Structures are given as structure tokens and as C-alpha cells.
Amino acid sequence: MARGTPGYLGPYRLLNIVHTGHASLIWQAYDDDKQRIVGVKTLHEADYGNREQINFLRREYTIGQGLHHPNVVEIYPVQWDSRQPYFAMEWFSSPNLKQRLNQGGRDKLAPFFANIVEQSCRALSYLHNQGWVHCDVKPDNFLLSDDGELKLIDFALAKRAKRGVAKWLTPKAKPQGTKSYISPEQLRGQTLDGRADLYSLACMMHELLAGKPPFTGTSANDLLNKQIRSLPPPLEALNSNVTPEFTALIRRAMSKNREHRSKTVDDFLMEFRMIRVFKIQPPVEKK
């Protein structure tokens, strides 16, 4: 099969589709030049002319190819082609945390919870130190291998961290993020820093321990109003094995006022290391 045929994108020989998203596909592919398996992300053919989706894909590539960290998926440099947009990344064929939760429930993840928090905080700390806020932290955007290695993915919504006076959205502007995890300041259109990701990370941690996100709603507006105004239910009431000190830590990370949260993800991680999450440490299930 020669390059330029439908089976190739640049040097990458497409083997099979491993994930189908709303607007994109993930392929397992073979890099003929470097002789290695890679992942290739491309749009659905019907979206090749969709300027919004092309911009999202290009943004994810542009940001991601400048990031190099063990807990962040590696994106490889390519010659960008707007007529057939795609990028290549390291092959890390593992389910995301949402899939892990759906497959095994919270009890299967509980023995690995501390490791998940450690690695997710390291990934976000690195991203923040590079000047970015992820803006879409959720279980779907962390891949977890069977041996416990975690990778942060998807930088399409990432924004440069900004400090100073709040800048509000115009009425026509639409906040971007996933409703069950989006921070109040994203919804309000304020300037963002790493504390926005910390709020979303706390929502994710709540879900991993409770089996469901902290907020649900009868409609999209109802859910978003709760993100702005409602206190999360105490974890202890949803998981009797969670300690009061961890419940307090995660509730503070979900404060509606970001000034009440830890100043950085690193600060949160330091506090996390000093307390117990569980009253009785869950055992790893034997295979």
C-alpha cells in the first residue's frame, strides 16, 4: 500500500479504529519511518470541512506537542494538513477512568485511589507550570493502564492561565467544559488559573469514591446552577469508608470561591499526603 492511499496518513499506516468520538476517531497505526505502533487522531470524514472541529483538533495538537511529562500523553510533531487534519501520539491503549468506573465500580478503583490522585496532580501541576489550564478535567480524560500508569489527554479546551481582574463573558459567549465537572469561574467567564482544574479534579475524585458525580440536575441549566451555588453532598454519606478529614479536604477543593481552595494543585497534593482517605484501606482484589 503506497503513501497517499486511503490507508495512510503521512508516514502512518492506519490499522484499525480503537475509539469513535462525537467528531473524531482514534486509530491504531504503524509508523513506517520509526517502526513503532502509534495512535492517530483524526476527524470523521464528514467533519473535514468543519472549521470549529478542525480548530479544536489543531489546538489539541499545538498545545500537546509542546508537553513532555510521564503522566501526559506524548503527541508527536507532524506536518499539519488542514485538508485532512490529524496528529499522532504515543500508543497507550488503556481505558479511561470513566470506563474503569463503569466496568468495575468504585470498589475496584478504591485500592488505587491514592496512586490516581498522585499522578493526576503531577500531570496537572506540570501543565499549570507550562502556563496552561486544562479546562476539561474529568474521568474521561485520564487513561489508566492495568499496571497503574496514568496519562492525561485532550487539550482542545485548554487556555492560558491568567491572573488579575476578572474578565466576564459577553452574553453571546458560551463557557466550554463538561457540565458535571466545570468550575464556577468557567461558567462565570472569569479569568482562569490552576484552581479551576482543581475544582474539576475534586469533582472527579468525588465520583471515583461515590460512584457518581457530586452534582446532577433535571436539566442542563439546573446542573450548571448547582455548580455555581450548591454544596456537594458529603462523601461520608455516600461512602462510609471515607474519613471526615478527606471529606473536608475535597469539599474545600470544591469551594465556589476559588480563594478558599488550595492555591495550587501541588499544595492540595501536599495536604492529601498528610491525611487518610479511607478508615480501612481497601485491599487489592486477587486476580
Protein backbone atom coordinates (compact mmCIF):
# COMPACT_ATOMS: atom_id res chain seq x y z
CA MET A 1 0.00 0.00 0.00
CA ALA A 2 1.67 3.23 -1.15
CA ARG A 3 1.60 6.51 0.74
CA GLY A 4 -1.22 8.77 -0.36
CA THR A 5 -3.72 5.91 -0.50
CA PRO A 6 -6.63 5.89 1.99
CA GLY A 7 -4.69 3.51 4.25
CA TYR A 8 -2.01 6.09 5.07
CA LEU A 9 -1.84 9.47 6.76
CA GLY A 10 1.66 10.79 6.18
CA PRO A 11 4.06 8.06 7.36
CA TYR A 12 1.35 6.36 9.44
CA ARG A 13 -0.28 3.19 8.16
CA LEU A 14 -3.79 3.05 9.63
CA LEU A 15 -4.55 -0.39 11.09
CA ASN A 16 -7.90 -0.19 12.89
CA ILE A 17 -10.21 2.19 14.72
CA VAL A 18 -9.97 1.84 18.51
CA HIS A 19 -12.23 4.69 19.60
CA THR A 20 -15.05 6.66 17.98
CA GLY A 21 -15.94 10.04 19.45
CA HIS A 22 -18.50 12.70 18.62
CA ALA A 23 -16.30 14.34 15.97
CA SER A 24 -13.08 12.32 15.96
CA LEU A 25 -11.60 8.86 15.57
CA ILE A 26 -8.59 7.25 17.25
CA TRP A 27 -6.70 4.78 15.09
CA GLN A 28 -4.06 2.26 15.93
CA ALA A 29 -1.41 2.89 13.29
CA TYR A 30 2.13 1.91 12.37
CA ASP A 31 4.87 4.49 11.91
CA ASP A 32 6.84 3.19 8.93
CA ASP A 33 9.67 5.70 9.47
CA LYS A 34 10.30 4.93 13.16
CA GLN A 35 8.93 1.37 13.09
CA ARG A 36 6.59 1.70 16.06
CA ILE A 37 2.90 1.50 16.90
CA VAL A 38 1.26 4.91 17.42
CA GLY A 39 -2.19 6.35 17.96
CA VAL A 40 -3.57 8.65 15.27
CA LYS A 41 -6.43 11.06 15.94
CA THR A 42 -8.41 12.37 13.00
CA LEU A 43 -11.83 13.82 12.33
CA HIS A 44 -14.73 11.95 10.87
CA GLU A 45 -14.60 12.38 7.13
CA ALA A 46 -17.87 14.33 7.28
CA ASP A 47 -16.14 16.92 9.51
CA TYR A 48 -13.11 17.56 7.28
CA GLY A 49 -14.72 20.88 6.32
CA ASN A 50 -15.98 21.72 9.81
CA ARG A 51 -13.90 24.73 10.80
CA GLU A 52 -14.79 24.50 14.51
CA GLN A 53 -13.76 20.85 14.78
CA ILE A 54 -10.59 21.46 12.76
CA ASN A 55 -9.66 24.26 15.15
CA PHE A 56 -10.27 22.04 18.19
CA LEU A 57 -8.07 19.30 16.73
CA ARG A 58 -5.35 21.72 15.74
CA ARG A 59 -5.43 23.37 19.17
CA GLU A 60 -5.09 20.00 20.88
CA TYR A 61 -2.12 19.19 18.65
CA THR A 62 -0.45 22.59 19.01
CA ILE A 63 -0.64 22.54 22.81
CA GLY A 64 0.04 18.85 23.26
CA GLN A 65 3.15 18.57 21.11
CA GLY A 66 4.89 21.03 23.44
CA LEU A 67 4.20 18.91 26.56
CA HIS A 68 6.60 16.24 27.77
CA HIS A 69 5.80 14.51 31.06
CA PRO A 70 5.40 10.85 32.13
CA ASN A 71 1.75 11.44 33.10
CA VAL A 72 0.79 13.39 29.96
CA VAL A 73 0.22 11.59 26.68
CA GLU A 74 3.05 12.35 24.23
CA ILE A 75 1.99 13.98 20.96
CA TYR A 76 4.43 13.73 18.06
CA PRO A 77 5.31 16.60 15.66
CA VAL A 78 3.65 16.27 12.24
CA GLN A 79 3.25 18.40 9.13
CA TRP A 80 -0.21 19.88 9.68
CA ASP A 81 -2.62 19.46 6.75
CA SER A 82 -5.92 21.37 7.11
CA ARG A 83 -7.42 19.40 4.20
CA GLN A 84 -7.04 16.14 6.10
CA PRO A 85 -6.28 17.11 9.72
CA TYR A 86 -4.75 14.58 12.10
CA PHE A 87 -1.99 14.13 14.64
CA ALA A 88 -0.06 11.17 16.04
CA MET A 89 0.63 10.30 19.66
CA GLU A 90 2.21 7.61 21.78
CA TRP A 91 0.38 4.31 21.83
CA PHE A 92 -1.24 3.98 25.26
CA SER A 93 -4.09 1.55 24.81
CA SER A 94 -5.81 1.74 28.18
CA PRO A 95 -9.36 2.52 29.34
CA ASN A 96 -10.12 5.93 30.79
CA LEU A 97 -11.23 6.35 34.40
CA LYS A 98 -14.88 6.68 33.41
CA GLN A 99 -14.69 3.32 31.63
CA ARG A 100 -12.86 1.79 34.60
CA LEU A 101 -15.58 3.07 36.93
CA ASN A 102 -18.37 1.75 34.69
CA GLN A 103 -16.69 -1.62 34.30
CA GLY A 104 -15.75 -2.34 37.89
CA GLY A 105 -17.44 0.22 40.11
CA ARG A 106 -15.88 2.40 42.77
CA ASP A 107 -14.71 -0.57 44.86
CA LYS A 108 -12.42 -1.80 42.08
CA LEU A 109 -10.72 1.60 41.86
CA ALA A 110 -10.54 2.29 45.61
CA PRO A 111 -7.25 0.39 46.26
CA PHE A 112 -5.57 2.54 43.57
CA PHE A 113 -7.17 5.83 44.52
CA ALA A 114 -4.08 7.40 46.14
CA ASN A 115 -1.97 6.50 43.11
CA ILE A 116 -4.57 8.00 40.78
CA VAL A 117 -4.62 11.26 42.78
CA GLU A 118 -0.82 11.43 42.89
CA GLN A 119 -0.40 11.00 39.14
CA SER A 120 -3.31 13.23 38.13
CA CYS A 121 -1.96 16.01 40.37
CA ARG A 122 1.53 15.63 38.88
CA ALA A 123 0.11 15.85 35.36
CA LEU A 124 -1.93 18.96 36.14
CA SER A 125 0.90 20.59 38.10
CA TYR A 126 3.17 20.17 35.07
CA LEU A 127 0.50 21.58 32.75
CA HIS A 128 -0.04 24.58 35.03
CA ASN A 129 3.70 25.20 35.27
CA GLN A 130 3.75 25.38 31.47
CA GLY A 131 1.16 28.17 31.72
CA TRP A 132 -1.95 26.19 30.75
CA VAL A 133 -5.28 25.44 32.41
CA HIS A 134 -6.77 22.19 31.06
CA CYS A 135 -10.42 23.33 31.42
CA ASP A 136 -11.87 19.84 30.89
CA VAL A 137 -10.61 17.71 33.78
CA LYS A 138 -12.86 14.65 34.12
CA PRO A 139 -12.55 10.85 34.36
CA ASP A 140 -12.84 10.52 30.58
CA ASN A 141 -9.59 12.46 30.11
CA PHE A 142 -7.34 10.26 32.24
CA LEU A 143 -6.22 6.89 30.86
CA LEU A 144 -5.26 4.23 33.41
CA SER A 145 -3.29 1.11 32.49
CA ASP A 146 -3.63 -2.26 34.20
CA ASP A 147 -0.33 -1.70 35.99
CA GLY A 148 -1.47 1.66 37.37
CA GLU A 149 0.16 4.12 34.97
CA LEU A 150 -1.98 7.20 34.32
CA LYS A 151 -1.94 9.66 31.39
CA LEU A 152 -3.74 13.00 30.94
CA ILE A 153 -5.22 13.54 27.46
CA ASP A 154 -7.25 16.03 25.38
CA PHE A 155 -6.05 19.66 25.39
CA ALA A 156 -8.62 21.03 22.93
CA LEU A 157 -10.22 23.34 25.52
CA ALA A 158 -7.02 24.36 27.33
CA LYS A 159 -6.47 28.06 27.94
CA ARG A 160 -3.55 30.18 29.01
CA ALA A 161 -3.65 30.85 32.75
CA LYS A 162 -4.42 34.48 33.54
CA ARG A 163 -4.38 36.45 36.73
CA GLY A 164 -5.80 39.80 37.68
CA VAL A 165 -9.21 41.43 37.42
CA ALA A 166 -12.00 39.10 36.30
CA LYS A 167 -12.93 39.30 32.66
CA TRP A 168 -16.56 38.45 32.08
CA LEU A 169 -18.10 36.70 29.10
CA THR A 170 -20.36 38.62 26.77
CA PRO A 171 -23.96 37.33 26.67
CA LYS A 172 -23.24 35.54 23.37
CA ALA A 173 -20.17 33.74 24.68
CA LYS A 174 -20.53 30.10 25.68
CA PRO A 175 -18.47 28.61 28.52
CA GLN A 176 -16.63 25.46 27.46
CA GLY A 177 -16.21 22.39 29.64
CA THR A 178 -18.16 19.33 30.79
CA LYS A 179 -21.21 20.24 32.88
CA SER A 180 -20.66 17.72 35.68
CA TYR A 181 -17.13 18.99 36.38
CA ILE A 182 -16.91 22.59 35.17
CA SER A 183 -15.73 25.17 37.70
CA PRO A 184 -17.91 28.12 38.76
CA GLU A 185 -15.36 30.60 37.40
CA GLN A 186 -15.51 28.97 33.96
CA LEU A 187 -19.28 29.36 33.99
CA ARG A 188 -18.98 32.98 35.10
CA GLY A 189 -16.45 33.73 32.38
CA GLN A 190 -13.77 34.83 34.82
CA THR A 191 -10.04 34.66 34.23
CA LEU A 192 -8.73 31.18 34.97
CA ASP A 193 -5.82 29.64 36.81
CA GLY A 194 -4.99 26.16 38.08
CA ARG A 195 -7.65 26.34 40.78
CA ALA A 196 -10.30 25.83 38.08
CA ASP A 197 -8.75 22.46 37.27
CA LEU A 198 -8.50 21.67 40.98
CA TYR A 199 -12.26 22.16 41.34
CA SER A 200 -12.88 19.79 38.42
CA LEU A 201 -10.37 17.30 39.82
CA ALA A 202 -12.22 17.33 43.15
CA CYS A 203 -15.48 16.59 41.32
CA MET A 204 -13.72 13.67 39.64
CA MET A 205 -12.34 12.35 42.94
CA HIS A 206 -15.82 12.56 44.44
CA GLU A 207 -17.15 10.46 41.57
CA LEU A 208 -14.41 7.83 41.91
CA LEU A 209 -15.30 7.35 45.59
CA ALA A 210 -19.08 7.85 45.46
CA GLY A 211 -19.74 6.19 42.12
CA LYS A 212 -21.40 9.30 40.71
CA PRO A 213 -20.53 13.00 40.21
CA PRO A 214 -21.26 15.40 43.07
CA PHE A 215 -23.95 17.26 41.13
CA THR A 216 -26.77 16.08 38.89
CA GLY A 217 -29.70 18.04 37.52
CA THR A 218 -33.09 17.70 35.88
CA SER A 219 -31.78 19.85 33.01
CA ALA A 220 -28.52 21.34 31.79
CA ASN A 221 -29.37 24.70 33.39
CA ASP A 222 -30.28 23.03 36.67
CA LEU A 223 -26.92 21.23 36.74
CA LEU A 224 -24.96 24.39 35.91
CA ASN A 225 -26.82 26.35 38.59
CA LYS A 226 -25.78 23.72 41.13
CA GLN A 227 -22.14 24.07 40.04
CA ILE A 228 -22.38 27.76 40.87
CA ARG A 229 -24.49 27.67 44.05
CA SER A 230 -24.90 24.23 45.68
CA LEU A 231 -22.69 22.49 48.22
CA PRO A 232 -21.68 18.94 47.28
CA PRO A 233 -23.15 16.12 49.35
CA PRO A 234 -20.68 14.91 52.00
CA LEU A 235 -18.67 11.93 50.77
CA GLU A 236 -19.08 10.19 54.13
CA ALA A 237 -22.80 9.91 53.48
CA LEU A 238 -22.16 8.21 50.13
CA ASN A 239 -19.17 6.08 51.09
CA SER A 240 -18.99 5.14 54.76
CA ASN A 241 -15.32 4.15 54.47
CA VAL A 242 -14.18 7.71 53.65
CA THR A 243 -12.64 9.67 56.53
CA PRO A 244 -14.02 13.02 57.75
CA GLU A 245 -10.66 14.70 57.03
CA PHE A 246 -10.72 13.70 53.38
CA THR A 247 -14.35 14.77 53.09
CA ALA A 248 -13.31 18.20 54.41
CA LEU A 249 -10.32 18.41 52.04
CA ILE A 250 -12.31 17.59 48.93
CA ARG A 251 -15.19 19.88 49.95
CA ARG A 252 -12.72 22.76 50.29
CA ALA A 253 -11.33 21.96 46.83
CA MET A 254 -14.90 22.30 45.54
CA SER A 255 -15.43 25.72 47.14
CA LYS A 256 -17.40 28.04 44.88
CA ASN A 257 -14.97 30.82 45.80
CA ARG A 258 -11.57 29.77 44.44
CA GLU A 259 -9.84 31.82 47.13
CA HIS A 260 -10.97 29.16 49.62
CA ARG A 261 -9.31 26.32 47.67
CA SER A 262 -5.66 25.31 47.86
CA LYS A 263 -3.59 27.85 45.93
CA THR A 264 -2.10 25.21 43.63
CA VAL A 265 -2.51 21.55 42.80
CA ASP A 266 0.87 20.97 44.46
CA ASP A 267 -0.45 22.48 47.70
CA PHE A 268 -3.51 20.23 47.50
CA LEU A 269 -1.28 17.18 46.93
CA MET A 270 0.84 18.02 49.97
CA GLU A 271 -2.31 18.19 52.12
CA PHE A 272 -3.61 14.97 50.56
CA ARG A 273 -0.42 13.10 51.51
CA MET A 274 -0.86 14.08 55.16
CA ILE A 275 -4.30 12.55 55.69
CA ARG A 276 -6.02 9.20 55.36
CA VAL A 277 -8.65 8.77 52.64
CA PHE A 278 -10.14 5.55 54.00
CA LYS A 279 -10.95 4.39 57.50
CA ILE A 280 -9.97 0.88 56.40
CA GLN A 281 -7.63 0.64 53.40
CA PRO A 282 -9.41 -1.32 50.63
CA PRO A 283 -7.49 -4.47 49.62
CA VAL A 284 -6.45 -5.15 46.05
CA GLU A 285 -8.63 -7.88 44.64
CA LYS A 286 -6.82 -11.05 43.67
CA LYS A 287 -6.99 -11.93 40.00
